């Protein structure tokens, strides 16, 4: 029997506003897709758990959303079509391209 907390349960119960990880960074990309696939949150709300939520928690007010005046840290993710893990196709940091898979 597990006695640990389930992040998915906490999100479903409305007890979580930010998901982050200091031990397995790929989980942050997968989390919104899993939360949506499991019917816990719509994808756009699940994505806020790994973008806007953590940015707000550490007072990085220039990131976490796509809007005028924001830093423009962006990921282009291949449409998963129920495939997890999701795959990053392109990545921009402060509006500058830093990674391209193709």
PDB file of N, CA and C in Angstrom:
ATOM      1  N   UNK A   1       0.845  -1.182   0.000  1.00  0.00           N
ATOM      2  CA  UNK A   1       0.000   0.000   0.000  1.00  0.00           C
ATOM      3  C   UNK A   1       0.882   1.235   0.000  1.00  0.00           C
ATOM      4  N   UNK A   2       0.619   2.136  -0.944  1.00  0.00           N
ATOM      5  CA  UNK A   2       1.379   3.379  -1.037  1.00  0.00           C
ATOM      6  C   UNK A   2       0.822   4.406  -0.055  1.00  0.00           C
ATOM      7  N   UNK A   3       1.733   5.095   0.613  1.00  0.00           N
ATOM      8  CA  UNK A   3       1.304   6.159   1.532  1.00  0.00           C
ATOM      9  C   UNK A   3       1.669   7.530   0.997  1.00  0.00           C
ATOM     10  N   UNK A   4       2.237   7.582  -0.221  1.00  0.00           N
ATOM     11  CA  UNK A   4       2.639   8.851  -0.811  1.00  0.00           C
ATOM     12  C   UNK A   4       1.459   9.612  -1.377  1.00  0.00           C
ATOM     13  N   UNK A   5       1.666  10.892  -1.579  1.00  0.00           N
ATOM     14  CA  UNK A   5       0.650  11.737  -2.180  1.00  0.00           C
ATOM     15  C   UNK A   5       0.640  11.530  -3.691  1.00  0.00           C
ATOM     16  N   UNK A   6      -0.520  11.591  -4.274  1.00  0.00           N
ATOM     17  CA  UNK A   6      -0.657  11.527  -5.714  1.00  0.00           C
ATOM     18  C   UNK A   6      -0.873  12.932  -6.241  1.00  0.00           C
ATOM     19  N   UNK A   7       0.022  13.389  -7.118  1.00  0.00           N
ATOM     20  CA  UNK A   7      -0.143  14.717  -7.701  1.00  0.00           C
ATOM     21  C   UNK A   7      -1.450  14.792  -8.472  1.00  0.00           C
ATOM     22  N   UNK A   8      -1.789  13.737  -9.201  1.00  0.00           N
ATOM     23  CA  UNK A   8      -3.026  13.737  -9.988  1.00  0.00           C
ATOM     24  C   UNK A   8      -4.247  13.897  -9.081  1.00  0.00           C
ATOM     25  N   UNK A   9      -4.243  13.247  -7.941  1.00  0.00           N
ATOM     26  CA  UNK A   9      -5.354  13.362  -6.999  1.00  0.00           C
ATOM     27  C   UNK A   9      -5.439  14.781  -6.447  1.00  0.00           C
ATOM     28  N   UNK A  10      -4.295  15.356  -6.131  1.00  0.00           N
ATOM     29  CA  UNK A  10      -4.285  16.721  -5.605  1.00  0.00           C
ATOM     30  C   UNK A  10      -4.794  17.709  -6.652  1.00  0.00           C
ATOM     31  N   UNK A  11      -4.401  17.521  -7.916  1.00  0.00           N
ATOM     32  CA  UNK A  11      -4.888  18.384  -8.993  1.00  0.00           C
ATOM     33  C   UNK A  11      -6.394  18.223  -9.135  1.00  0.00           C
ATOM     34  N   UNK A  12      -6.857  16.973  -9.165  1.00  0.00           N
ATOM     35  CA  UNK A  12      -8.288  16.696  -9.313  1.00  0.00           C
ATOM     36  C   UNK A  12      -9.099  17.306  -8.175  1.00  0.00           C
ATOM     37  N   UNK A  13      -8.529  17.329  -6.978  1.00  0.00           N
ATOM     38  CA  UNK A  13      -9.221  17.893  -5.815  1.00  0.00           C
ATOM     39  C   UNK A  13      -9.075  19.409  -5.710  1.00  0.00           C
ATOM     40  N   UNK A  14      -8.403  20.031  -6.693  1.00  0.00           N
ATOM     41  CA  UNK A  14      -8.229  21.476  -6.679  1.00  0.00           C
ATOM     42  C   UNK A  14      -7.218  21.968  -5.660  1.00  0.00           C
ATOM     43  N   UNK A  15      -6.314  21.100  -5.230  1.00  0.00           N
ATOM     44  CA  UNK A  15      -5.339  21.451  -4.198  1.00  0.00           C
ATOM     45  C   UNK A  15      -3.964  21.788  -4.763  1.00  0.00           C
ATOM     46  N   UNK A  16      -3.859  21.915  -6.068  1.00  0.00           N
ATOM     47  CA  UNK A  16      -2.571  22.139  -6.703  1.00  0.00           C
ATOM     48  C   UNK A  16      -2.700  23.242  -7.752  1.00  0.00           C
ATOM     49  N   UNK A  17      -1.787  24.177  -7.728  1.00  0.00           N
ATOM     50  CA  UNK A  17      -1.767  25.241  -8.742  1.00  0.00           C
ATOM     51  C   UNK A  17      -0.489  25.223  -9.563  1.00  0.00           C
ATOM     52  N   UNK A  18       0.505  24.406  -9.156  1.00  0.00           N
ATOM     53  CA  UNK A  18       1.773  24.337  -9.880  1.00  0.00           C
ATOM     54  C   UNK A  18       2.386  22.953  -9.712  1.00  0.00           C
ATOM     55  N   UNK A  19       2.851  22.403 -10.823  1.00  0.00           N
ATOM     56  CA  UNK A  19       3.605  21.155 -10.800  1.00  0.00           C
ATOM     57  C   UNK A  19       5.032  21.456 -11.204  1.00  0.00           C
ATOM     58  N   UNK A  20       5.985  20.925 -10.460  1.00  0.00           N
ATOM     59  CA  UNK A  20       7.391  21.083 -10.809  1.00  0.00           C
ATOM     60  C   UNK A  20       8.128  19.821 -10.382  1.00  0.00           C
ATOM     61  N   UNK A  21       9.358  19.720 -10.822  1.00  0.00           N
ATOM     62  CA  UNK A  21      10.147  18.544 -10.478  1.00  0.00           C
ATOM     63  C   UNK A  21      11.610  18.930 -10.380  1.00  0.00           C
ATOM     64  N   UNK A  22      12.282  18.400  -9.398  1.00  0.00           N
ATOM     65  CA  UNK A  22      13.722  18.605  -9.306  1.00  0.00           C
ATOM     66  C   UNK A  22      14.479  17.291  -9.489  1.00  0.00           C
ATOM     67  N   UNK A  23      13.758  16.236  -9.852  1.00  0.00           N
ATOM     68  CA  UNK A  23      14.441  14.950  -9.987  1.00  0.00           C
ATOM     69  C   UNK A  23      14.231  14.288 -11.335  1.00  0.00           C
ATOM     70  N   UNK A  24      13.140  14.535 -12.029  1.00  0.00           N
ATOM     71  CA  UNK A  24      12.924  13.922 -13.338  1.00  0.00           C
ATOM     72  C   UNK A  24      12.234  14.940 -14.230  1.00  0.00           C
ATOM     73  N   UNK A  25      13.042  15.822 -14.835  1.00  0.00           N
ATOM     74  CA  UNK A  25      12.480  16.943 -15.593  1.00  0.00           C
ATOM     75  C   UNK A  25      11.571  16.523 -16.750  1.00  0.00           C
ATOM     76  N   UNK A  26      11.751  15.374 -17.426  1.00  0.00           N
ATOM     77  CA  UNK A  26      10.822  15.033 -18.521  1.00  0.00           C
ATOM     78  C   UNK A  26       9.371  14.861 -18.059  1.00  0.00           C
ATOM     79  N   UNK A  27       9.157  14.623 -16.789  1.00  0.00           N
ATOM     80  CA  UNK A  27       7.789  14.430 -16.307  1.00  0.00           C
ATOM     81  C   UNK A  27       6.940  15.682 -16.461  1.00  0.00           C
ATOM     82  N   UNK A  28       7.561  16.859 -16.470  1.00  0.00           N
ATOM     83  CA  UNK A  28       6.790  18.098 -16.595  1.00  0.00           C
ATOM     84  C   UNK A  28       6.168  18.232 -17.984  1.00  0.00           C
ATOM     85  N   UNK A  29       6.843  17.746 -19.011  1.00  0.00           N
ATOM     86  CA  UNK A  29       6.260  17.769 -20.350  1.00  0.00           C
ATOM     87  C   UNK A  29       5.109  16.773 -20.452  1.00  0.00           C
ATOM     88  N   UNK A  30       5.231  15.655 -19.793  1.00  0.00           N
ATOM     89  CA  UNK A  30       4.219  14.605 -19.895  1.00  0.00           C
ATOM     90  C   UNK A  30       2.990  14.879 -19.029  1.00  0.00           C
ATOM     91  N   UNK A  31       3.159  15.577 -17.928  1.00  0.00           N
ATOM     92  CA  UNK A  31       2.078  15.770 -16.961  1.00  0.00           C
ATOM     93  C   UNK A  31       0.794  16.348 -17.550  1.00  0.00           C
ATOM     94  N   UNK A  32       0.839  17.429 -18.332  1.00  0.00           N
ATOM     95  CA  UNK A  32      -0.420  17.972 -18.862  1.00  0.00           C
ATOM     96  C   UNK A  32      -1.138  16.986 -19.788  1.00  0.00           C
ATOM     97  N   UNK A  33      -0.373  16.248 -20.570  1.00  0.00           N
ATOM     98  CA  UNK A  33      -0.987  15.269 -21.469  1.00  0.00           C
ATOM     99  C   UNK A  33      -1.644  14.147 -20.671  1.00  0.00           C
ATOM    100  N   UNK A  34      -0.990  13.700 -19.599  1.00  0.00           N
ATOM    101  CA  UNK A  34      -1.541  12.632 -18.756  1.00  0.00           C
ATOM    102  C   UNK A  34      -2.776  13.124 -18.024  1.00  0.00           C
ATOM    103  N   UNK A  35      -2.723  14.332 -17.455  1.00  0.00           N
ATOM    104  CA  UNK A  35      -3.884  14.875 -16.747  1.00  0.00           C
ATOM    105  C   UNK A  35      -5.083  14.995 -17.680  1.00  0.00           C
ATOM    106  N   UNK A  36      -4.849  15.427 -18.913  1.00  0.00           N
ATOM    107  CA  UNK A  36      -5.941  15.546 -19.883  1.00  0.00           C
ATOM    108  C   UNK A  36      -6.435  14.171 -20.327  1.00  0.00           C
ATOM    109  N   UNK A  37      -5.515  13.259 -20.610  1.00  0.00           N
ATOM    110  CA  UNK A  37      -5.900  11.917 -21.059  1.00  0.00           C
ATOM    111  C   UNK A  37      -6.701  11.180 -19.988  1.00  0.00           C
ATOM    112  N   UNK A  38      -6.368  11.431 -18.735  1.00  0.00           N
ATOM    113  CA  UNK A  38      -7.074  10.780 -17.628  1.00  0.00           C
ATOM    114  C   UNK A  38      -8.364  11.496 -17.247  1.00  0.00           C
ATOM    115  N   UNK A  39      -8.691  12.587 -17.955  1.00  0.00           N
ATOM    116  CA  UNK A  39      -9.933  13.299 -17.685  1.00  0.00           C
ATOM    117  C   UNK A  39      -9.907  14.136 -16.418  1.00  0.00           C
ATOM    118  N   UNK A  40      -8.713  14.438 -15.915  1.00  0.00           N
ATOM    119  CA  UNK A  40      -8.607  15.210 -14.673  1.00  0.00           C
ATOM    120  C   UNK A  40      -8.789  16.700 -14.935  1.00  0.00           C
ATOM    121  N   UNK A  41      -8.186  17.197 -16.009  1.00  0.00           N
ATOM    122  CA  UNK A  41      -8.308  18.609 -16.395  1.00  0.00           C
ATOM    123  C   UNK A  41      -8.311  18.698 -17.912  1.00  0.00           C
ATOM    124  N   UNK A  42      -8.973  19.706 -18.475  1.00  0.00           N
ATOM    125  CA  UNK A  42      -8.799  19.967 -19.900  1.00  0.00           C
ATOM    126  C   UNK A  42      -7.329  20.342 -20.145  1.00  0.00           C
ATOM    127  N   UNK A  43      -6.827  20.051 -21.337  1.00  0.00           N
ATOM    128  CA  UNK A  43      -5.406  20.261 -21.606  1.00  0.00           C
ATOM    129  C   UNK A  43      -4.956  21.688 -21.305  1.00  0.00           C
ATOM    130  N   UNK A  44      -5.718  22.695 -21.722  1.00  0.00           N
ATOM    131  CA  UNK A  44      -5.271  24.077 -21.507  1.00  0.00           C
ATOM    132  C   UNK A  44      -5.134  24.411 -20.020  1.00  0.00           C
ATOM    133  N   UNK A  45      -5.947  23.807 -19.185  1.00  0.00           N
ATOM    134  CA  UNK A  45      -5.829  24.017 -17.737  1.00  0.00           C
ATOM    135  C   UNK A  45      -4.666  23.201 -17.167  1.00  0.00           C
ATOM    136  N   UNK A  46      -4.485  22.000 -17.683  1.00  0.00           N
ATOM    137  CA  UNK A  46      -3.379  21.157 -17.229  1.00  0.00           C
ATOM    138  C   UNK A  46      -2.039  21.794 -17.567  1.00  0.00           C
ATOM    139  N   UNK A  47      -1.958  22.426 -18.759  1.00  0.00           N
ATOM    140  CA  UNK A  47      -0.680  23.054 -19.152  1.00  0.00           C
ATOM    141  C   UNK A  47      -0.313  24.180 -18.188  1.00  0.00           C
ATOM    142  N   UNK A  48      -1.292  24.889 -17.667  1.00  0.00           N
ATOM    143  CA  UNK A  48      -1.014  25.967 -16.706  1.00  0.00           C
ATOM    144  C   UNK A  48      -0.313  25.429 -15.463  1.00  0.00           C
ATOM    145  N   UNK A  49      -0.523  24.163 -15.137  1.00  0.00           N
ATOM    146  CA  UNK A  49       0.111  23.561 -13.963  1.00  0.00           C
ATOM    147  C   UNK A  49       1.636  23.499 -14.099  1.00  0.00           C
ATOM    148  N   UNK A  50       2.134  23.448 -15.339  1.00  0.00           N
ATOM    149  CA  UNK A  50       3.581  23.365 -15.554  1.00  0.00           C
ATOM    150  C   UNK A  50       4.156  24.628 -16.200  1.00  0.00           C
ATOM    151  N   UNK A  51       3.313  25.620 -16.453  1.00  0.00           N
ATOM    152  CA  UNK A  51       3.810  26.854 -17.058  1.00  0.00           C
ATOM    153  C   UNK A  51       3.504  28.051 -16.157  1.00  0.00           C
ATOM    154  N   UNK A  52       2.291  28.533 -16.193  1.00  0.00           N
ATOM    155  CA  UNK A  52       1.919  29.728 -15.424  1.00  0.00           C
ATOM    156  C   UNK A  52       2.023  29.499 -13.914  1.00  0.00           C
ATOM    157  N   UNK A  53       1.636  28.338 -13.448  1.00  0.00           N
ATOM    158  CA  UNK A  53       1.669  28.059 -12.005  1.00  0.00           C
ATOM    159  C   UNK A  53       3.064  28.149 -11.410  1.00  0.00           C
ATOM    160  N   UNK A  54       4.027  27.403 -11.948  1.00  0.00           N
ATOM    161  CA  UNK A  54       5.385  27.502 -11.404  1.00  0.00           C
ATOM    162  C   UNK A  54       5.994  28.902 -11.577  1.00  0.00           C
ATOM    163  N   UNK A  55       5.744  29.549 -12.713  1.00  0.00           N
ATOM    164  CA  UNK A  55       6.284  30.900 -12.919  1.00  0.00           C
ATOM    165  C   UNK A  55       5.765  31.853 -11.847  1.00  0.00           C
ATOM    166  N   UNK A  56       4.476  31.776 -11.556  1.00  0.00           N
ATOM    167  CA  UNK A  56       3.889  32.643 -10.525  1.00  0.00           C
ATOM    168  C   UNK A  56       4.449  32.312  -9.142  1.00  0.00           C
ATOM    169  N   UNK A  57       4.653  31.025  -8.880  1.00  0.00           N
ATOM    170  CA  UNK A  57       5.139  30.603  -7.563  1.00  0.00           C
ATOM    171  C   UNK A  57       6.512  31.178  -7.242  1.00  0.00           C
ATOM    172  N   UNK A  58       7.338  31.342  -8.266  1.00  0.00           N
ATOM    173  CA  UNK A  58       8.684  31.883  -8.037  1.00  0.00           C
ATOM    174  C   UNK A  58       8.811  33.331  -8.517  1.00  0.00           C
ATOM    175  N   UNK A  59       7.651  33.956  -8.727  1.00  0.00           N
ATOM    176  CA  UNK A  59       7.566  35.376  -9.073  1.00  0.00           C
ATOM    177  C   UNK A  59       8.315  35.746 -10.358  1.00  0.00           C
ATOM    178  N   UNK A  60       8.241  34.863 -11.351  1.00  0.00           N
ATOM    179  CA  UNK A  60       8.780  35.163 -12.679  1.00  0.00           C
ATOM    180  C   UNK A  60       7.609  35.640 -13.530  1.00  0.00           C
ATOM    181  N   UNK A  61       7.244  36.882 -13.371  1.00  0.00           N
ATOM    182  CA  UNK A  61       6.034  37.425 -13.977  1.00  0.00           C
ATOM    183  C   UNK A  61       6.141  37.658 -15.477  1.00  0.00           C
ATOM    184  N   UNK A  62       7.330  37.464 -16.044  1.00  0.00           N
ATOM    185  CA  UNK A  62       7.507  37.658 -17.476  1.00  0.00           C
ATOM    186  C   UNK A  62       7.417  36.345 -18.260  1.00  0.00           C
ATOM    187  N   UNK A  63       6.968  35.279 -17.621  1.00  0.00           N
ATOM    188  CA  UNK A  63       6.845  33.993 -18.308  1.00  0.00           C
ATOM    189  C   UNK A  63       5.680  33.183 -17.760  1.00  0.00           C
ATOM    190  N   UNK A  64       5.362  32.107 -18.466  1.00  0.00           N
ATOM    191  CA  UNK A  64       4.260  31.255 -18.035  1.00  0.00           C
ATOM    192  C   UNK A  64       3.032  31.363 -18.917  1.00  0.00           C
ATOM    193  N   UNK A  65       3.047  32.303 -19.861  1.00  0.00           N
ATOM    194  CA  UNK A  65       1.909  32.491 -20.760  1.00  0.00           C
ATOM    195  C   UNK A  65       2.415  33.083 -22.068  1.00  0.00           C
ATOM    196  N   UNK A  66       1.623  32.941 -23.101  1.00  0.00           N
ATOM    197  CA  UNK A  66       1.927  33.555 -24.386  1.00  0.00           C
ATOM    198  C   UNK A  66       1.130  34.854 -24.457  1.00  0.00           C
ATOM    199  N   UNK A  67       1.837  35.970 -24.338  1.00  0.00           N
ATOM    200  CA  UNK A  67       1.178  37.282 -24.341  1.00  0.00           C
ATOM    201  C   UNK A  67       2.214  38.357 -24.631  1.00  0.00           C
ATOM    202  N   UNK A  68       1.733  39.509 -25.082  1.00  0.00           N
ATOM    203  CA  UNK A  68       2.618  40.646 -25.345  1.00  0.00           C
ATOM    204  C   UNK A  68       3.391  40.996 -24.084  1.00  0.00           C
ATOM    205  N   UNK A  69       4.680  41.265 -24.239  1.00  0.00           N
ATOM    206  CA  UNK A  69       5.515  41.653 -23.120  1.00  0.00           C
ATOM    207  C   UNK A  69       6.101  40.485 -22.340  1.00  0.00           C
ATOM    208  N   UNK A  70       5.727  39.272 -22.698  1.00  0.00           N
ATOM    209  CA  UNK A  70       6.256  38.104 -21.999  1.00  0.00           C
ATOM    210  C   UNK A  70       7.569  37.671 -22.638  1.00  0.00           C
ATOM    211  N   UNK A  71       8.302  36.818 -21.985  1.00  0.00           N
ATOM    212  CA  UNK A  71       9.646  36.405 -22.380  1.00  0.00           C
ATOM    213  C   UNK A  71       9.690  35.563 -23.649  1.00  0.00           C
ATOM    214  N   UNK A  72       8.672  34.843 -23.971  1.00  0.00           N
ATOM    215  CA  UNK A  72       8.611  33.995 -25.176  1.00  0.00           C
ATOM    216  C   UNK A  72       9.500  32.765 -25.067  1.00  0.00           C
ATOM    217  N   UNK A  73       9.363  32.035 -23.965  1.00  0.00           N
ATOM    218  CA  UNK A  73       9.929  30.694 -23.850  1.00  0.00           C
ATOM    219  C   UNK A  73       8.838  29.760 -24.349  1.00  0.00           C
ATOM    220  N   UNK A  74       9.072  29.110 -25.469  1.00  0.00           N
ATOM    221  CA  UNK A  74       8.017  28.327 -26.119  1.00  0.00           C
ATOM    222  C   UNK A  74       8.501  26.944 -26.500  1.00  0.00           C
ATOM    223  N   UNK A  75       7.578  25.997 -26.501  1.00  0.00           N
ATOM    224  CA  UNK A  75       7.817  24.650 -27.009  1.00  0.00           C
ATOM    225  C   UNK A  75       6.820  24.364 -28.111  1.00  0.00           C
ATOM    226  N   UNK A  76       7.282  23.723 -29.159  1.00  0.00           N
ATOM    227  CA  UNK A  76       6.391  23.165 -30.165  1.00  0.00           C
ATOM    228  C   UNK A  76       6.441  21.665 -29.942  1.00  0.00           C
ATOM    229  N   UNK A  77       5.310  21.093 -29.571  1.00  0.00           N
ATOM    230  CA  UNK A  77       5.239  19.680 -29.231  1.00  0.00           C
ATOM    231  C   UNK A  77       4.461  18.951 -30.319  1.00  0.00           C
ATOM    232  N   UNK A  78       4.972  17.806 -30.759  1.00  0.00           N
ATOM    233  CA  UNK A  78       4.264  17.001 -31.749  1.00  0.00           C
ATOM    234  C   UNK A  78       2.916  16.591 -31.168  1.00  0.00           C
ATOM    235  N   UNK A  79       1.895  16.655 -31.984  1.00  0.00           N
ATOM    236  CA  UNK A  79       0.567  16.254 -31.518  1.00  0.00           C
ATOM    237  C   UNK A  79       0.634  14.806 -31.055  1.00  0.00           C
ATOM    238  N   UNK A  80       0.337  14.571 -29.790  1.00  0.00           N
ATOM    239  CA  UNK A  80       0.538  13.228 -29.268  1.00  0.00           C
ATOM    240  C   UNK A  80      -0.462  12.195 -29.764  1.00  0.00           C
ATOM    241  N   UNK A  81      -1.663  12.621 -30.148  1.00  0.00           N
ATOM    242  CA  UNK A  81      -2.678  11.664 -30.602  1.00  0.00           C
ATOM    243  C   UNK A  81      -2.699  10.442 -29.695  1.00  0.00           C
ATOM    244  N   UNK A  82      -2.814  10.684 -28.405  1.00  0.00           N
ATOM    245  CA  UNK A  82      -2.849   9.636 -27.381  1.00  0.00           C
ATOM    246  C   UNK A  82      -1.523   8.906 -27.221  1.00  0.00           C
ATOM    247  N   UNK A  83      -0.437   9.502 -27.704  1.00  0.00           N
ATOM    248  CA  UNK A  83       0.883   8.892 -27.538  1.00  0.00           C
ATOM    249  C   UNK A  83       1.636   9.660 -26.467  1.00  0.00           C
ATOM    250  N   UNK A  84       2.051   8.964 -25.465  1.00  0.00           N
ATOM    251  CA  UNK A  84       2.894   9.541 -24.426  1.00  0.00           C
ATOM    252  C   UNK A  84       4.130   8.648 -24.385  1.00  0.00           C
ATOM    253  N   UNK A  85       5.320   9.141 -24.452  1.00  0.00           N
ATOM    254  CA  UNK A  85       5.684  10.511 -24.136  1.00  0.00           C
ATOM    255  C   UNK A  85       5.528  11.456 -25.320  1.00  0.00           C
ATOM    256  N   UNK A  86       5.180  12.678 -24.991  1.00  0.00           N
ATOM    257  CA  UNK A  86       5.106  13.743 -25.987  1.00  0.00           C
ATOM    258  C   UNK A  86       6.530  14.055 -26.447  1.00  0.00           C
ATOM    259  N   UNK A  87       6.637  14.561 -27.671  1.00  0.00           N
ATOM    260  CA  UNK A  87       7.953  14.835 -28.234  1.00  0.00           C
ATOM    261  C   UNK A  87       8.088  16.316 -28.561  1.00  0.00           C
ATOM    262  N   UNK A  88       9.152  16.944 -28.044  1.00  0.00           N
ATOM    263  CA  UNK A  88       9.439  18.340 -28.356  1.00  0.00           C
ATOM    264  C   UNK A  88      10.023  18.400 -29.760  1.00  0.00           C
ATOM    265  N   UNK A  89       9.417  19.234 -30.610  1.00  0.00           N
ATOM    266  CA  UNK A  89       9.883  19.404 -31.982  1.00  0.00           C
ATOM    267  C   UNK A  89      10.753  20.660 -32.130  1.00  0.00           C
ATOM    268  N   UNK A  90      10.372  21.738 -31.435  1.00  0.00           N
ATOM    269  CA  UNK A  90      11.158  22.964 -31.441  1.00  0.00           C
ATOM    270  C   UNK A  90      11.063  23.626 -30.073  1.00  0.00           C
ATOM    271  N   UNK A  91      12.093  24.425 -29.754  1.00  0.00           N
ATOM    272  CA  UNK A  91      12.140  25.107 -28.462  1.00  0.00           C
ATOM    273  C   UNK A  91      12.752  26.484 -28.673  1.00  0.00           C
ATOM    274  N   UNK A  92      12.122  27.501 -28.104  1.00  0.00           N
ATOM    275  CA  UNK A  92      12.632  28.867 -28.138  1.00  0.00           C
ATOM    276  C   UNK A  92      12.810  29.347 -26.702  1.00  0.00           C
ATOM    277  N   UNK A  93      13.879  30.067 -26.454  1.00  0.00           N
ATOM    278  CA  UNK A  93      14.122  30.688 -25.156  1.00  0.00           C
ATOM    279  C   UNK A  93      14.275  32.186 -25.400  1.00  0.00           C
ATOM    280  N   UNK A  94      13.442  32.953 -24.731  1.00  0.00           N
ATOM    281  CA  UNK A  94      13.420  34.412 -24.906  1.00  0.00           C
ATOM    282  C   UNK A  94      13.283  34.768 -26.384  1.00  0.00           C
ATOM    283  N   UNK A  95      12.488  33.999 -27.096  1.00  0.00           N
ATOM    284  CA  UNK A  95      12.218  34.259 -28.502  1.00  0.00           C
ATOM    285  C   UNK A  95      13.274  33.764 -29.474  1.00  0.00           C
ATOM    286  N   UNK A  96      14.353  33.207 -28.967  1.00  0.00           N
ATOM    287  CA  UNK A  96      15.443  32.719 -29.817  1.00  0.00           C
ATOM    288  C   UNK A  96      15.372  31.199 -29.943  1.00  0.00           C
ATOM    289  N   UNK A  97      15.479  30.669 -31.184  1.00  0.00           N
ATOM    290  CA  UNK A  97      15.445  29.214 -31.346  1.00  0.00           C
ATOM    291  C   UNK A  97      16.695  28.562 -30.723  1.00  0.00           C
ATOM    292  N   UNK A  98      16.451  27.507 -29.932  1.00  0.00           N
ATOM    293  CA  UNK A  98      17.572  26.803 -29.293  1.00  0.00           C
ATOM    294  C   UNK A  98      17.584  25.318 -29.600  1.00  0.00           C
ATOM    295  N   UNK A  99      16.465  24.788 -30.162  1.00  0.00           N
ATOM    296  CA  UNK A  99      16.414  23.360 -30.468  1.00  0.00           C
ATOM    297  C   UNK A  99      15.438  23.139 -31.609  1.00  0.00           C
ATOM    298  N   UNK A 100      15.804  22.208 -32.499  1.00  0.00           N
ATOM    299  CA  UNK A 100      14.929  21.823 -33.595  1.00  0.00           C
ATOM    300  C   UNK A 100      15.150  20.338 -33.865  1.00  0.00           C
ATOM    301  N   UNK A 101      14.079  19.549 -33.809  1.00  0.00           N
ATOM    302  CA  UNK A 101      14.183  18.100 -33.959  1.00  0.00           C
ATOM    303  C   UNK A 101      14.218  17.660 -35.409  1.00  0.00           C
ATOM    304  N   UNK A 102      13.867  18.528 -36.340  1.00  0.00           N
ATOM    305  CA  UNK A 102      13.797  18.106 -37.739  1.00  0.00           C
ATOM    306  C   UNK A 102      14.651  18.978 -38.623  1.00  0.00           C
TER     307      UNK A 102
END
